[in-house]
Amino acid sequence: MDRIKRLSYEVLDNHKSKFGEDFADNKKVLDQVSIVRSKGLKNEIAGYITNYIKKEIREQKQKQAQASKAQEQLAQAEPEPVEETPVEETVAEATPETTEAPAAEATPEPETPVETTEAPASEATPETTEEKSE
């Protein structure tokens, strides 16, 4: 870690609430808080602190935006499962009927091949009618 970062972090650890996004204000606060004799060093530290504060604020805004998007997505996702739940109940109610229907169809299927060999044209028409009605 170079000396600018190290000195900036030391100042920020103790006096972070006094600094803001404005370079000139940060430079004045740095004069009040610490003794830096070199003008160039003072400017570099104030500049680094300014960039650091701006970066933190930018990251906070991004996190808030992501959090709000996540909340919106959750809010949009919640109504969908509520709508799906009645559909599942309908499927649950239809399940006993569905179970009975294949059992009824399973019995004629073995008879169908036997009858199909006897009269293929007559069997094709009733099966097609049954499939369309379902």
N, C-alpha and C. Protein backbone atom coordinates (compact mmCIF):
# COMPACT_ATOMS: atom_id res chain seq x y z
N MET A 1 0.86 -1.17 0.00
CA MET A 1 0.00 0.00 0.00
C MET A 1 0.91 1.24 0.00
N ASP A 2 0.66 2.14 -0.92
CA ASP A 2 1.51 3.32 -0.97
C ASP A 2 1.13 4.31 0.13
N ARG A 3 1.94 5.31 0.28
CA ARG A 3 1.76 6.21 1.43
C ARG A 3 0.49 7.05 1.32
N ILE A 4 0.06 7.39 0.11
CA ILE A 4 -1.17 8.19 -0.04
C ILE A 4 -2.37 7.41 0.49
N LYS A 5 -2.47 6.16 0.08
CA LYS A 5 -3.58 5.32 0.55
C LYS A 5 -3.50 5.12 2.05
N ARG A 6 -2.31 4.83 2.54
CA ARG A 6 -2.13 4.57 3.97
C ARG A 6 -2.52 5.79 4.79
N LEU A 7 -2.03 6.97 4.41
CA LEU A 7 -2.36 8.19 5.14
C LEU A 7 -3.85 8.52 5.02
N SER A 8 -4.40 8.31 3.85
CA SER A 8 -5.83 8.59 3.65
C SER A 8 -6.69 7.69 4.53
N TYR A 9 -6.35 6.40 4.59
CA TYR A 9 -7.11 5.47 5.43
C TYR A 9 -6.99 5.83 6.91
N GLU A 10 -5.81 6.27 7.32
CA GLU A 10 -5.64 6.66 8.72
C GLU A 10 -6.53 7.85 9.06
N VAL A 11 -6.60 8.82 8.16
CA VAL A 11 -7.45 9.99 8.39
C VAL A 11 -8.92 9.58 8.34
N LEU A 12 -9.29 8.75 7.38
CA LEU A 12 -10.69 8.33 7.24
C LEU A 12 -11.15 7.49 8.42
N ASP A 13 -10.27 6.69 8.99
CA ASP A 13 -10.66 5.86 10.14
C ASP A 13 -11.17 6.72 11.28
N ASN A 14 -10.54 7.86 11.51
CA ASN A 14 -10.90 8.70 12.64
C ASN A 14 -11.92 9.79 12.30
N HIS A 15 -11.94 10.26 11.06
CA HIS A 15 -12.74 11.44 10.73
C HIS A 15 -13.57 11.28 9.45
N LYS A 16 -14.05 10.11 9.18
CA LYS A 16 -14.75 9.86 7.92
C LYS A 16 -16.01 10.70 7.77
N SER A 17 -16.72 10.95 8.84
CA SER A 17 -17.99 11.68 8.76
C SER A 17 -17.80 13.14 8.33
N LYS A 18 -16.60 13.67 8.45
CA LYS A 18 -16.35 15.07 8.10
C LYS A 18 -16.10 15.27 6.61
N PHE A 19 -15.79 14.22 5.89
CA PHE A 19 -15.44 14.33 4.48
C PHE A 19 -16.67 14.11 3.60
N GLY A 20 -16.61 14.71 2.39
CA GLY A 20 -17.71 14.58 1.44
C GLY A 20 -17.19 14.37 0.03
N GLU A 21 -18.00 14.76 -0.96
CA GLU A 21 -17.65 14.55 -2.36
C GLU A 21 -16.90 15.73 -2.98
N ASP A 22 -16.79 16.83 -2.29
CA ASP A 22 -16.15 18.02 -2.84
C ASP A 22 -14.67 18.07 -2.44
N PHE A 23 -13.81 18.21 -3.45
CA PHE A 23 -12.36 18.23 -3.21
C PHE A 23 -11.94 19.41 -2.34
N ALA A 24 -12.45 20.61 -2.62
CA ALA A 24 -12.05 21.81 -1.87
C ALA A 24 -12.44 21.68 -0.40
N ASP A 25 -13.66 21.18 -0.16
CA ASP A 25 -14.10 20.98 1.22
C ASP A 25 -13.24 19.94 1.92
N ASN A 26 -12.93 18.86 1.22
CA ASN A 26 -12.09 17.81 1.81
C ASN A 26 -10.70 18.34 2.12
N LYS A 27 -10.19 19.21 1.28
CA LYS A 27 -8.87 19.79 1.51
C LYS A 27 -8.88 20.66 2.78
N LYS A 28 -9.96 21.43 2.99
CA LYS A 28 -10.08 22.27 4.19
C LYS A 28 -10.21 21.40 5.44
N VAL A 29 -11.01 20.34 5.34
CA VAL A 29 -11.18 19.43 6.47
C VAL A 29 -9.85 18.76 6.81
N LEU A 30 -9.10 18.38 5.79
CA LEU A 30 -7.79 17.76 5.99
C LEU A 30 -6.85 18.72 6.72
N ASP A 31 -6.91 20.02 6.38
CA ASP A 31 -6.10 21.03 7.09
C ASP A 31 -6.48 21.09 8.56
N GLN A 32 -7.78 21.00 8.86
CA GLN A 32 -8.25 21.09 10.24
C GLN A 32 -7.90 19.84 11.03
N VAL A 33 -7.97 18.69 10.39
CA VAL A 33 -7.82 17.42 11.08
C VAL A 33 -6.35 17.03 11.26
N SER A 34 -5.52 17.33 10.30
CA SER A 34 -4.13 16.87 10.35
C SER A 34 -3.17 17.99 9.96
N ILE A 35 -1.91 17.71 10.15
CA ILE A 35 -0.86 18.66 9.77
C ILE A 35 -0.08 18.04 8.62
N VAL A 36 -0.30 18.57 7.43
CA VAL A 36 0.43 18.12 6.25
C VAL A 36 1.13 19.36 5.70
N ARG A 37 2.44 19.36 5.73
CA ARG A 37 3.20 20.55 5.34
C ARG A 37 3.35 20.68 3.84
N SER A 38 3.40 19.58 3.14
CA SER A 38 3.59 19.62 1.69
C SER A 38 2.26 19.85 0.99
N LYS A 39 2.22 20.87 0.13
CA LYS A 39 1.00 21.18 -0.62
C LYS A 39 0.64 20.03 -1.55
N GLY A 40 1.61 19.46 -2.23
CA GLY A 40 1.37 18.37 -3.17
C GLY A 40 0.82 17.14 -2.46
N LEU A 41 1.41 16.80 -1.32
CA LEU A 41 0.95 15.64 -0.55
C LEU A 41 -0.48 15.86 -0.04
N LYS A 42 -0.74 17.08 0.42
CA LYS A 42 -2.08 17.42 0.91
C LYS A 42 -3.11 17.28 -0.21
N ASN A 43 -2.78 17.76 -1.40
CA ASN A 43 -3.70 17.66 -2.53
C ASN A 43 -3.93 16.21 -2.93
N GLU A 44 -2.87 15.41 -2.92
CA GLU A 44 -3.02 13.99 -3.28
C GLU A 44 -3.90 13.25 -2.28
N ILE A 45 -3.68 13.52 -1.00
CA ILE A 45 -4.49 12.85 0.04
C ILE A 45 -5.95 13.29 -0.08
N ALA A 46 -6.18 14.59 -0.23
CA ALA A 46 -7.55 15.10 -0.36
C ALA A 46 -8.21 14.53 -1.62
N GLY A 47 -7.45 14.42 -2.70
CA GLY A 47 -7.99 13.85 -3.94
C GLY A 47 -8.33 12.38 -3.77
N TYR A 48 -7.46 11.64 -3.11
CA TYR A 48 -7.74 10.21 -2.89
C TYR A 48 -8.97 10.04 -2.00
N ILE A 49 -9.07 10.85 -0.96
CA ILE A 49 -10.24 10.76 -0.07
C ILE A 49 -11.52 11.09 -0.85
N THR A 50 -11.46 12.12 -1.69
CA THR A 50 -12.63 12.49 -2.50
C THR A 50 -13.05 11.35 -3.40
N ASN A 51 -12.10 10.76 -4.10
CA ASN A 51 -12.41 9.63 -4.99
C ASN A 51 -12.95 8.44 -4.20
N TYR A 52 -12.39 8.20 -3.03
CA TYR A 52 -12.83 7.08 -2.19
C TYR A 52 -14.27 7.29 -1.73
N ILE A 53 -14.60 8.49 -1.29
CA ILE A 53 -15.96 8.79 -0.83
C ILE A 53 -16.95 8.67 -2.00
N LYS A 54 -16.58 9.20 -3.16
CA LYS A 54 -17.46 9.10 -4.34
C LYS A 54 -17.69 7.65 -4.72
N LYS A 55 -16.63 6.85 -4.64
CA LYS A 55 -16.74 5.43 -4.97
C LYS A 55 -17.69 4.72 -4.01
N GLU A 56 -17.56 5.02 -2.72
CA GLU A 56 -18.45 4.41 -1.72
C GLU A 56 -19.91 4.78 -1.98
N ILE A 57 -20.15 6.04 -2.28
CA ILE A 57 -21.52 6.50 -2.53
C ILE A 57 -22.08 5.82 -3.77
N ARG A 58 -21.26 5.71 -4.81
CA ARG A 58 -21.68 5.05 -6.05
C ARG A 58 -22.03 3.59 -5.79
N GLU A 59 -21.20 2.90 -5.00
CA GLU A 59 -21.46 1.49 -4.69
C GLU A 59 -22.73 1.33 -3.85
N GLN A 60 -22.97 2.25 -2.93
CA GLN A 60 -24.19 2.19 -2.12
C GLN A 60 -25.43 2.33 -3.00
N LYS A 61 -25.36 3.26 -3.96
CA LYS A 61 -26.49 3.45 -4.87
C LYS A 61 -26.74 2.19 -5.70
N GLN A 62 -25.66 1.55 -6.15
CA GLN A 62 -25.81 0.32 -6.93
C GLN A 62 -26.42 -0.79 -6.09
N LYS A 63 -25.98 -0.91 -4.85
CA LYS A 63 -26.54 -1.94 -3.96
C LYS A 63 -28.02 -1.68 -3.70
N GLN A 64 -28.38 -0.42 -3.50
CA GLN A 64 -29.78 -0.08 -3.28
C GLN A 64 -30.61 -0.38 -4.51
N ALA A 65 -30.06 -0.08 -5.68
CA ALA A 65 -30.78 -0.36 -6.92
C ALA A 65 -30.97 -1.86 -7.10
N GLN A 66 -29.94 -2.64 -6.80
CA GLN A 66 -30.05 -4.09 -6.91
C GLN A 66 -31.05 -4.64 -5.91
N ALA A 67 -31.02 -4.08 -4.69
CA ALA A 67 -31.96 -4.54 -3.67
C ALA A 67 -33.40 -4.22 -4.08
N SER A 68 -33.62 -3.03 -4.64
CA SER A 68 -34.97 -2.68 -5.05
C SER A 68 -35.42 -3.54 -6.23
N LYS A 69 -34.51 -3.86 -7.14
CA LYS A 69 -34.85 -4.75 -8.26
C LYS A 69 -35.19 -6.14 -7.74
N ALA A 70 -34.42 -6.61 -6.77
CA ALA A 70 -34.69 -7.92 -6.20
C ALA A 70 -36.05 -7.95 -5.52
N GLN A 71 -36.39 -6.88 -4.81
CA GLN A 71 -37.69 -6.80 -4.16
C GLN A 71 -38.82 -6.77 -5.19
N GLU A 72 -38.62 -6.05 -6.28
CA GLU A 72 -39.62 -6.00 -7.34
C GLU A 72 -39.81 -7.38 -7.96
N GLN A 73 -38.70 -8.07 -8.18
CA GLN A 73 -38.78 -9.41 -8.77
C GLN A 73 -39.50 -10.36 -7.82
N LEU A 74 -39.22 -10.25 -6.53
CA LEU A 74 -39.91 -11.09 -5.56
C LEU A 74 -41.39 -10.75 -5.53
N ALA A 75 -41.71 -9.46 -5.61
CA ALA A 75 -43.11 -9.04 -5.60
C ALA A 75 -43.83 -9.56 -6.83
N GLN A 76 -43.15 -9.56 -7.96
CA GLN A 76 -43.75 -10.07 -9.19
C GLN A 76 -43.84 -11.59 -9.15
N ALA A 77 -42.89 -12.23 -8.53
CA ALA A 77 -42.86 -13.68 -8.48
C ALA A 77 -43.89 -14.23 -7.50
N GLU A 78 -44.21 -13.50 -6.45
CA GLU A 78 -45.16 -13.98 -5.45
C GLU A 78 -46.57 -14.19 -6.00
N PRO A 79 -47.13 -13.28 -6.80
CA PRO A 79 -48.49 -13.52 -7.31
C PRO A 79 -48.58 -14.74 -8.23
N GLU A 80 -47.52 -15.05 -8.95
CA GLU A 80 -47.56 -16.19 -9.86
C GLU A 80 -47.76 -17.51 -9.13
N PRO A 81 -47.02 -17.79 -8.03
CA PRO A 81 -47.29 -19.05 -7.33
C PRO A 81 -48.70 -19.11 -6.75
N VAL A 82 -49.25 -17.97 -6.36
CA VAL A 82 -50.61 -17.95 -5.84
C VAL A 82 -51.58 -18.39 -6.93
N GLU A 83 -51.33 -17.95 -8.16
CA GLU A 83 -52.17 -18.35 -9.28
C GLU A 83 -51.96 -19.81 -9.63
N GLU A 84 -50.75 -20.31 -9.47
CA GLU A 84 -50.45 -21.69 -9.80
C GLU A 84 -51.05 -22.65 -8.78
N THR A 85 -51.22 -22.23 -7.55
CA THR A 85 -51.76 -23.09 -6.51
C THR A 85 -53.16 -23.58 -6.86
N PRO A 86 -54.10 -22.73 -7.30
CA PRO A 86 -55.41 -23.25 -7.69
C PRO A 86 -55.32 -24.22 -8.86
N VAL A 87 -54.39 -24.00 -9.76
CA VAL A 87 -54.21 -24.91 -10.89
C VAL A 87 -53.79 -26.28 -10.37
N GLU A 88 -52.91 -26.29 -9.38
CA GLU A 88 -52.48 -27.56 -8.80
C GLU A 88 -53.65 -28.28 -8.12
N GLU A 89 -54.52 -27.50 -7.47
CA GLU A 89 -55.68 -28.10 -6.83
C GLU A 89 -56.60 -28.71 -7.88
N THR A 90 -56.76 -28.03 -8.99
CA THR A 90 -57.59 -28.54 -10.08
C THR A 90 -57.00 -29.84 -10.60
N VAL A 91 -55.69 -29.88 -10.74
CA VAL A 91 -55.03 -31.09 -11.19
C VAL A 91 -55.21 -32.19 -10.16
N ALA A 92 -55.15 -31.85 -8.88
CA ALA A 92 -55.33 -32.84 -7.83
C ALA A 92 -56.75 -33.40 -7.87
N GLU A 93 -57.73 -32.54 -8.16
CA GLU A 93 -59.11 -33.01 -8.25
C GLU A 93 -59.31 -33.87 -9.48
N ALA A 94 -58.63 -33.55 -10.55
CA ALA A 94 -58.77 -34.29 -11.79
C ALA A 94 -58.00 -35.61 -11.75
N THR A 95 -57.08 -35.75 -10.82
CA THR A 95 -56.26 -36.95 -10.75
C THR A 95 -57.08 -38.22 -10.56
N PRO A 96 -58.08 -38.27 -9.65
CA PRO A 96 -58.87 -39.50 -9.54
C PRO A 96 -59.61 -39.82 -10.83
N GLU A 97 -60.14 -38.81 -11.51
CA GLU A 97 -60.84 -39.04 -12.77
C GLU A 97 -59.87 -39.55 -13.82
N THR A 98 -58.68 -38.96 -13.83
CA THR A 98 -57.67 -39.37 -14.79
C THR A 98 -57.25 -40.81 -14.52
N THR A 99 -57.17 -41.17 -13.25
CA THR A 99 -56.80 -42.53 -12.89
C THR A 99 -57.86 -43.51 -13.37
N GLU A 100 -59.15 -43.15 -13.24
CA GLU A 100 -60.22 -44.02 -13.70
C GLU A 100 -60.25 -44.13 -15.22
N ALA A 101 -60.03 -43.05 -15.89
CA ALA A 101 -60.11 -43.04 -17.35
C ALA A 101 -59.07 -43.97 -17.98
N PRO A 102 -57.79 -43.95 -17.57
CA PRO A 102 -56.85 -44.89 -18.18
C PRO A 102 -57.20 -46.34 -17.87
N ALA A 103 -57.75 -46.59 -16.69
CA ALA A 103 -58.13 -47.96 -16.36
C ALA A 103 -59.24 -48.42 -17.29
N ALA A 104 -60.19 -47.55 -17.59
CA ALA A 104 -61.27 -47.90 -18.50
C ALA A 104 -60.74 -48.08 -19.91
N GLU A 105 -59.78 -47.25 -20.31
CA GLU A 105 -59.21 -47.36 -21.64
C GLU A 105 -58.30 -48.58 -21.75
N ALA A 106 -57.68 -48.94 -20.64
CA ALA A 106 -56.76 -50.07 -20.66
C ALA A 106 -57.50 -51.37 -20.96
N THR A 107 -58.72 -51.51 -20.47
CA THR A 107 -59.50 -52.72 -20.70
C THR A 107 -59.89 -52.86 -22.17
N PRO A 108 -60.39 -51.83 -22.85
CA PRO A 108 -60.76 -52.00 -24.26
C PRO A 108 -59.55 -52.17 -25.18
N GLU A 109 -58.40 -51.69 -24.81
CA GLU A 109 -57.24 -51.78 -25.68
C GLU A 109 -56.89 -53.23 -26.05
N PRO A 110 -56.88 -54.16 -25.08
CA PRO A 110 -56.60 -55.53 -25.50
C PRO A 110 -57.68 -56.07 -26.43
N GLU A 111 -58.94 -55.66 -26.23
CA GLU A 111 -60.02 -56.11 -27.10
C GLU A 111 -59.92 -55.47 -28.48
N THR A 112 -59.44 -54.27 -28.55
CA THR A 112 -59.36 -53.54 -29.81
C THR A 112 -58.50 -54.25 -30.83
N PRO A 113 -57.29 -54.72 -30.49
CA PRO A 113 -56.50 -55.41 -31.51
C PRO A 113 -57.20 -56.66 -32.04
N VAL A 114 -57.92 -57.36 -31.18
CA VAL A 114 -58.62 -58.56 -31.62
C VAL A 114 -59.71 -58.17 -32.60
N GLU A 115 -60.49 -57.14 -32.29
CA GLU A 115 -61.57 -56.70 -33.16
C GLU A 115 -61.02 -56.04 -34.41
N THR A 116 -59.86 -55.41 -34.30
CA THR A 116 -59.26 -54.73 -35.44
C THR A 116 -58.92 -55.72 -36.54
N THR A 117 -58.50 -56.90 -36.16
CA THR A 117 -58.19 -57.90 -37.17
C THR A 117 -59.46 -58.36 -37.89
N GLU A 118 -60.59 -58.34 -37.16
CA GLU A 118 -61.84 -58.77 -37.77
C GLU A 118 -62.42 -57.69 -38.69
N ALA A 119 -62.50 -56.43 -38.18
CA ALA A 119 -63.09 -55.36 -38.97
C ALA A 119 -62.30 -54.07 -38.73
N PRO A 120 -61.23 -53.82 -39.43
CA PRO A 120 -60.40 -52.65 -39.16
C PRO A 120 -61.11 -51.33 -39.44
N ALA A 121 -61.96 -51.22 -40.43
CA ALA A 121 -62.60 -49.96 -40.77
C ALA A 121 -63.60 -49.54 -39.71
N SER A 122 -64.33 -50.46 -39.13
CA SER A 122 -65.36 -50.12 -38.15
C SER A 122 -64.73 -49.66 -36.84
N GLU A 123 -63.58 -50.20 -36.46
CA GLU A 123 -62.94 -49.83 -35.20
C GLU A 123 -62.25 -48.47 -35.29
N ALA A 124 -61.74 -48.08 -36.43
CA ALA A 124 -61.01 -46.82 -36.57
C ALA A 124 -61.93 -45.64 -36.31
N THR A 125 -63.16 -45.70 -36.73
CA THR A 125 -64.08 -44.58 -36.58
C THR A 125 -64.45 -44.34 -35.12
N PRO A 126 -64.81 -45.33 -34.29
CA PRO A 126 -65.15 -45.06 -32.89
C PRO A 126 -63.95 -44.55 -32.10
N GLU A 127 -62.76 -45.05 -32.35
CA GLU A 127 -61.58 -44.58 -31.61
C GLU A 127 -61.32 -43.11 -31.91
N THR A 128 -61.44 -42.73 -33.14
CA THR A 128 -61.22 -41.33 -33.52
C THR A 128 -62.25 -40.44 -32.85
N THR A 129 -63.48 -40.88 -32.76
CA THR A 129 -64.54 -40.12 -32.12
C THR A 129 -64.25 -39.96 -30.64
N GLU A 130 -63.79 -41.02 -29.97
CA GLU A 130 -63.47 -40.96 -28.55
C GLU A 130 -62.31 -40.01 -28.29
N GLU A 131 -61.29 -40.05 -29.13
CA GLU A 131 -60.13 -39.18 -28.95
C GLU A 131 -60.51 -37.72 -29.11
N LYS A 132 -61.38 -37.40 -30.04
CA LYS A 132 -61.80 -36.02 -30.26
C LYS A 132 -62.62 -35.51 -29.09
N SER A 133 -63.43 -36.35 -28.47
CA SER A 133 -64.28 -35.92 -27.36
C SER A 133 -63.46 -35.64 -26.11
N GLU A 134 -62.35 -36.31 -25.95
CA GLU A 134 -61.51 -36.10 -24.78
C GLU A 134 -60.83 -34.77 -24.92
